[in-house]
Amino acid sequence: MAALDLFGRRWSLRIVWELRAGPLGFRPLQKQCDDMSSSVMRQRLTELLDAQVIHQLPDSRYELTPLGQEARHALNPLARWAGRWAATIDPQGADHTDDQSAGRVSHPDTVDDGTPERDSAD
């Protein structure tokens, strides 16, 4: 329940999502998150830092910790489902140009089509 509470807070998942490609500083991350307010961003970053999902590098950029990477990978099935859901609701408007949003995220426990390997521990 604590994880659902943390990730259920507005912008928390978005921050994790935007850090998927690598470290970002405060301003670039804020820009990637549709210019969310600085105060909300500071609060979410503090919560994610305290939860050890992200950490701050010496140059002040933020990046996912190994736990944060695990959380991101755990969310991949939800991202794939969301892509199918969006296509069902609005087949004309579903955006499949971003491989990440379409659920085709490379993961060591998946085969090329994103399905879990049979001997995967997940």
C-alpha atoms as a PDB file:
ATOM      1  CA  MET A   1       0.000   0.000   0.000  1.00  0.00           C
ATOM      2  CA  ALA A   2       2.904   2.367   0.688  1.00  0.00           C
ATOM      3  CA  ALA A   3       4.132   1.984  -2.913  1.00  0.00           C
ATOM      4  CA  LEU A   4       0.655   2.669  -4.271  1.00  0.00           C
ATOM      5  CA  ASP A   5       0.446   5.738  -2.064  1.00  0.00           C
ATOM      6  CA  LEU A   6       3.835   7.006  -3.258  1.00  0.00           C
ATOM      7  CA  PHE A   7       3.242   6.372  -6.958  1.00  0.00           C
ATOM      8  CA  GLY A   8      -0.387   7.487  -6.750  1.00  0.00           C
ATOM      9  CA  ARG A   9       0.623  11.033  -5.913  1.00  0.00           C
ATOM     10  CA  ARG A  10       0.284  13.407  -8.791  1.00  0.00           C
ATOM     11  CA  TRP A  11       3.483  13.647 -10.872  1.00  0.00           C
ATOM     12  CA  SER A  12       5.398  10.894  -9.031  1.00  0.00           C
ATOM     13  CA  LEU A  13       5.076   8.353 -11.836  1.00  0.00           C
ATOM     14  CA  ARG A  14       5.751  11.044 -14.411  1.00  0.00           C
ATOM     15  CA  ILE A  15       9.053  11.883 -12.735  1.00  0.00           C
ATOM     16  CA  VAL A  16      10.055   8.211 -12.725  1.00  0.00           C
ATOM     17  CA  TRP A  17       9.000   7.954 -16.377  1.00  0.00           C
ATOM     18  CA  GLU A  18      11.005  11.003 -17.435  1.00  0.00           C
ATOM     19  CA  LEU A  19      14.127   9.731 -15.666  1.00  0.00           C
ATOM     20  CA  ARG A  20      13.959   6.424 -17.570  1.00  0.00           C
ATOM     21  CA  ALA A  21      16.477   7.597 -20.186  1.00  0.00           C
ATOM     22  CA  GLY A  22      19.000   8.945 -17.706  1.00  0.00           C
ATOM     23  CA  PRO A  23      19.749  11.756 -15.271  1.00  0.00           C
ATOM     24  CA  LEU A  24      18.105  15.161 -15.549  1.00  0.00           C
ATOM     25  CA  GLY A  25      18.548  18.404 -13.657  1.00  0.00           C
ATOM     26  CA  PHE A  26      15.677  20.169 -11.917  1.00  0.00           C
ATOM     27  CA  ARG A  27      14.787  22.563 -14.759  1.00  0.00           C
ATOM     28  CA  PRO A  28      15.030  20.027 -17.617  1.00  0.00           C
ATOM     29  CA  LEU A  29      12.983  17.554 -15.568  1.00  0.00           C
ATOM     30  CA  GLN A  30      10.425  20.246 -14.810  1.00  0.00           C
ATOM     31  CA  LYS A  31      10.200  21.040 -18.534  1.00  0.00           C
ATOM     32  CA  GLN A  32       9.742  17.326 -19.372  1.00  0.00           C
ATOM     33  CA  CYS A  33       6.906  17.246 -16.824  1.00  0.00           C
ATOM     34  CA  ASP A  34       4.897  19.922 -18.619  1.00  0.00           C
ATOM     35  CA  ASP A  35       6.341  22.720 -16.480  1.00  0.00           C
ATOM     36  CA  MET A  36       4.783  21.510 -13.237  1.00  0.00           C
ATOM     37  CA  SER A  37       5.056  23.984 -10.397  1.00  0.00           C
ATOM     38  CA  SER A  38       8.430  24.183  -8.674  1.00  0.00           C
ATOM     39  CA  SER A  39       6.925  23.622  -5.239  1.00  0.00           C
ATOM     40  CA  VAL A  40       5.123  20.425  -6.269  1.00  0.00           C
ATOM     41  CA  MET A  41       8.216  19.183  -8.068  1.00  0.00           C
ATOM     42  CA  ARG A  42      10.387  19.795  -5.010  1.00  0.00           C
ATOM     43  CA  GLN A  43       7.885  17.921  -2.849  1.00  0.00           C
ATOM     44  CA  ARG A  44       7.711  14.925  -5.207  1.00  0.00           C
ATOM     45  CA  LEU A  45      11.483  14.810  -5.615  1.00  0.00           C
ATOM     46  CA  THR A  46      11.887  14.847  -1.832  1.00  0.00           C
ATOM     47  CA  GLU A  47       9.380  11.998  -1.471  1.00  0.00           C
ATOM     48  CA  LEU A  48      11.072   9.938  -4.179  1.00  0.00           C
ATOM     49  CA  LEU A  49      14.507  10.658  -2.653  1.00  0.00           C
ATOM     50  CA  ASP A  50      13.279   9.606   0.802  1.00  0.00           C
ATOM     51  CA  ALA A  51      11.809   6.427  -0.705  1.00  0.00           C
ATOM     52  CA  GLN A  52      15.192   5.728  -2.389  1.00  0.00           C
ATOM     53  CA  VAL A  53      13.529   5.539  -5.812  1.00  0.00           C
ATOM     54  CA  ILE A  54      15.775   8.345  -7.104  1.00  0.00           C
ATOM     55  CA  HIS A  55      19.002   9.915  -5.923  1.00  0.00           C
ATOM     56  CA  GLN A  56      20.754  13.175  -6.586  1.00  0.00           C
ATOM     57  CA  LEU A  57      24.122  13.138  -8.285  1.00  0.00           C
ATOM     58  CA  PRO A  58      26.991  15.418  -7.200  1.00  0.00           C
ATOM     59  CA  ASP A  59      26.203  17.684 -10.177  1.00  0.00           C
ATOM     60  CA  SER A  60      22.618  18.089  -8.791  1.00  0.00           C
ATOM     61  CA  ARG A  61      20.928  16.006 -11.497  1.00  0.00           C
ATOM     62  CA  TYR A  62      18.454  13.313 -10.492  1.00  0.00           C
ATOM     63  CA  GLU A  63      18.497   9.694 -11.612  1.00  0.00           C
ATOM     64  CA  LEU A  64      16.703   6.471 -10.834  1.00  0.00           C
ATOM     65  CA  THR A  65      18.257   4.198  -8.229  1.00  0.00           C
ATOM     66  CA  PRO A  66      18.326   0.433  -8.796  1.00  0.00           C
ATOM     67  CA  LEU A  67      15.007   0.331  -6.888  1.00  0.00           C
ATOM     68  CA  GLY A  68      13.664   3.037  -9.175  1.00  0.00           C
ATOM     69  CA  GLN A  69      14.734   1.061 -12.235  1.00  0.00           C
ATOM     70  CA  GLU A  70      12.954  -2.006 -10.823  1.00  0.00           C
ATOM     71  CA  ALA A  71       9.803   0.054 -10.288  1.00  0.00           C
ATOM     72  CA  ARG A  72       9.976   1.343 -13.845  1.00  0.00           C
ATOM     73  CA  HIS A  73      10.335  -2.200 -15.182  1.00  0.00           C
ATOM     74  CA  ALA A  74       7.442  -3.351 -12.984  1.00  0.00           C
ATOM     75  CA  LEU A  75       5.277  -0.665 -14.595  1.00  0.00           C
ATOM     76  CA  ASN A  76       5.955  -1.893 -18.153  1.00  0.00           C
ATOM     77  CA  PRO A  77       2.912  -4.230 -18.209  1.00  0.00           C
ATOM     78  CA  LEU A  78       0.735  -1.292 -17.140  1.00  0.00           C
ATOM     79  CA  ALA A  79       2.214   0.837 -19.943  1.00  0.00           C
ATOM     80  CA  ARG A  80       1.454  -1.918 -22.472  1.00  0.00           C
ATOM     81  CA  TRP A  81      -2.102  -2.217 -21.139  1.00  0.00           C
ATOM     82  CA  ALA A  82      -2.540   1.567 -21.310  1.00  0.00           C
ATOM     83  CA  GLY A  83      -1.520   1.523 -24.977  1.00  0.00           C
ATOM     84  CA  ARG A  84      -4.101  -1.167 -25.751  1.00  0.00           C
ATOM     85  CA  TRP A  85      -6.716   0.688 -23.697  1.00  0.00           C
ATOM     86  CA  ALA A  86      -6.051   3.969 -25.515  1.00  0.00           C
ATOM     87  CA  ALA A  87      -6.326   2.209 -28.885  1.00  0.00           C
ATOM     88  CA  THR A  88      -9.628   0.641 -27.839  1.00  0.00           C
ATOM     89  CA  ILE A  89     -11.118   3.912 -26.645  1.00  0.00           C
ATOM     90  CA  ASP A  90      -9.891   5.999 -29.578  1.00  0.00           C
ATOM     91  CA  PRO A  91      -8.398   3.897 -32.397  1.00  0.00           C
ATOM     92  CA  GLN A  92      -7.761   7.005 -34.506  1.00  0.00           C
ATOM     93  CA  GLY A  93      -6.051   8.982 -31.756  1.00  0.00           C
ATOM     94  CA  ALA A  94      -3.805   6.350 -30.191  1.00  0.00           C
ATOM     95  CA  ASP A  95      -0.209   7.514 -30.482  1.00  0.00           C
ATOM     96  CA  HIS A  96       2.120   4.600 -31.149  1.00  0.00           C
ATOM     97  CA  THR A  97       5.082   6.661 -32.288  1.00  0.00           C
ATOM     98  CA  ASP A  98       6.832   6.411 -28.925  1.00  0.00           C
ATOM     99  CA  ASP A  99       8.037   2.842 -28.361  1.00  0.00           C
ATOM    100  CA  GLN A 100       8.007   3.436 -24.624  1.00  0.00           C
ATOM    101  CA  SER A 101       4.346   4.494 -24.511  1.00  0.00           C
ATOM    102  CA  ALA A 102       3.345   1.637 -26.786  1.00  0.00           C
ATOM    103  CA  GLY A 103       4.787  -0.770 -24.271  1.00  0.00           C
ATOM    104  CA  ARG A 104       7.692  -1.991 -26.386  1.00  0.00           C
ATOM    105  CA  VAL A 105      10.238  -1.318 -23.667  1.00  0.00           C
ATOM    106  CA  SER A 106      13.393  -3.380 -23.698  1.00  0.00           C
ATOM    107  CA  HIS A 107      13.711  -5.357 -20.490  1.00  0.00           C
ATOM    108  CA  PRO A 108      16.056  -8.203 -19.621  1.00  0.00           C
ATOM    109  CA  ASP A 109      13.156 -10.466 -18.573  1.00  0.00           C
ATOM    110  CA  THR A 110      11.155 -10.057 -21.774  1.00  0.00           C
ATOM    111  CA  VAL A 111      11.456 -11.365 -25.280  1.00  0.00           C
ATOM    112  CA  ASP A 112      11.405  -9.036 -28.297  1.00  0.00           C
ATOM    113  CA  ASP A 113       7.622  -8.611 -28.285  1.00  0.00           C
ATOM    114  CA  GLY A 114       7.612  -7.572 -24.595  1.00  0.00           C
ATOM    115  CA  THR A 115       6.125 -10.785 -23.245  1.00  0.00           C
ATOM    116  CA  PRO A 116       7.806 -12.358 -20.211  1.00  0.00           C
ATOM    117  CA  GLU A 117      10.286 -15.155 -20.762  1.00  0.00           C
ATOM    118  CA  ARG A 118       9.026 -18.488 -19.492  1.00  0.00           C
ATOM    119  CA  ASP A 119      11.766 -18.977 -16.924  1.00  0.00           C
ATOM    120  CA  SER A 120      11.528 -15.390 -15.652  1.00  0.00           C
ATOM    121  CA  ALA A 121      11.257 -14.974 -11.895  1.00  0.00           C
ATOM    122  CA  ASP A 122       8.854 -12.054 -12.379  1.00  0.00           C
END
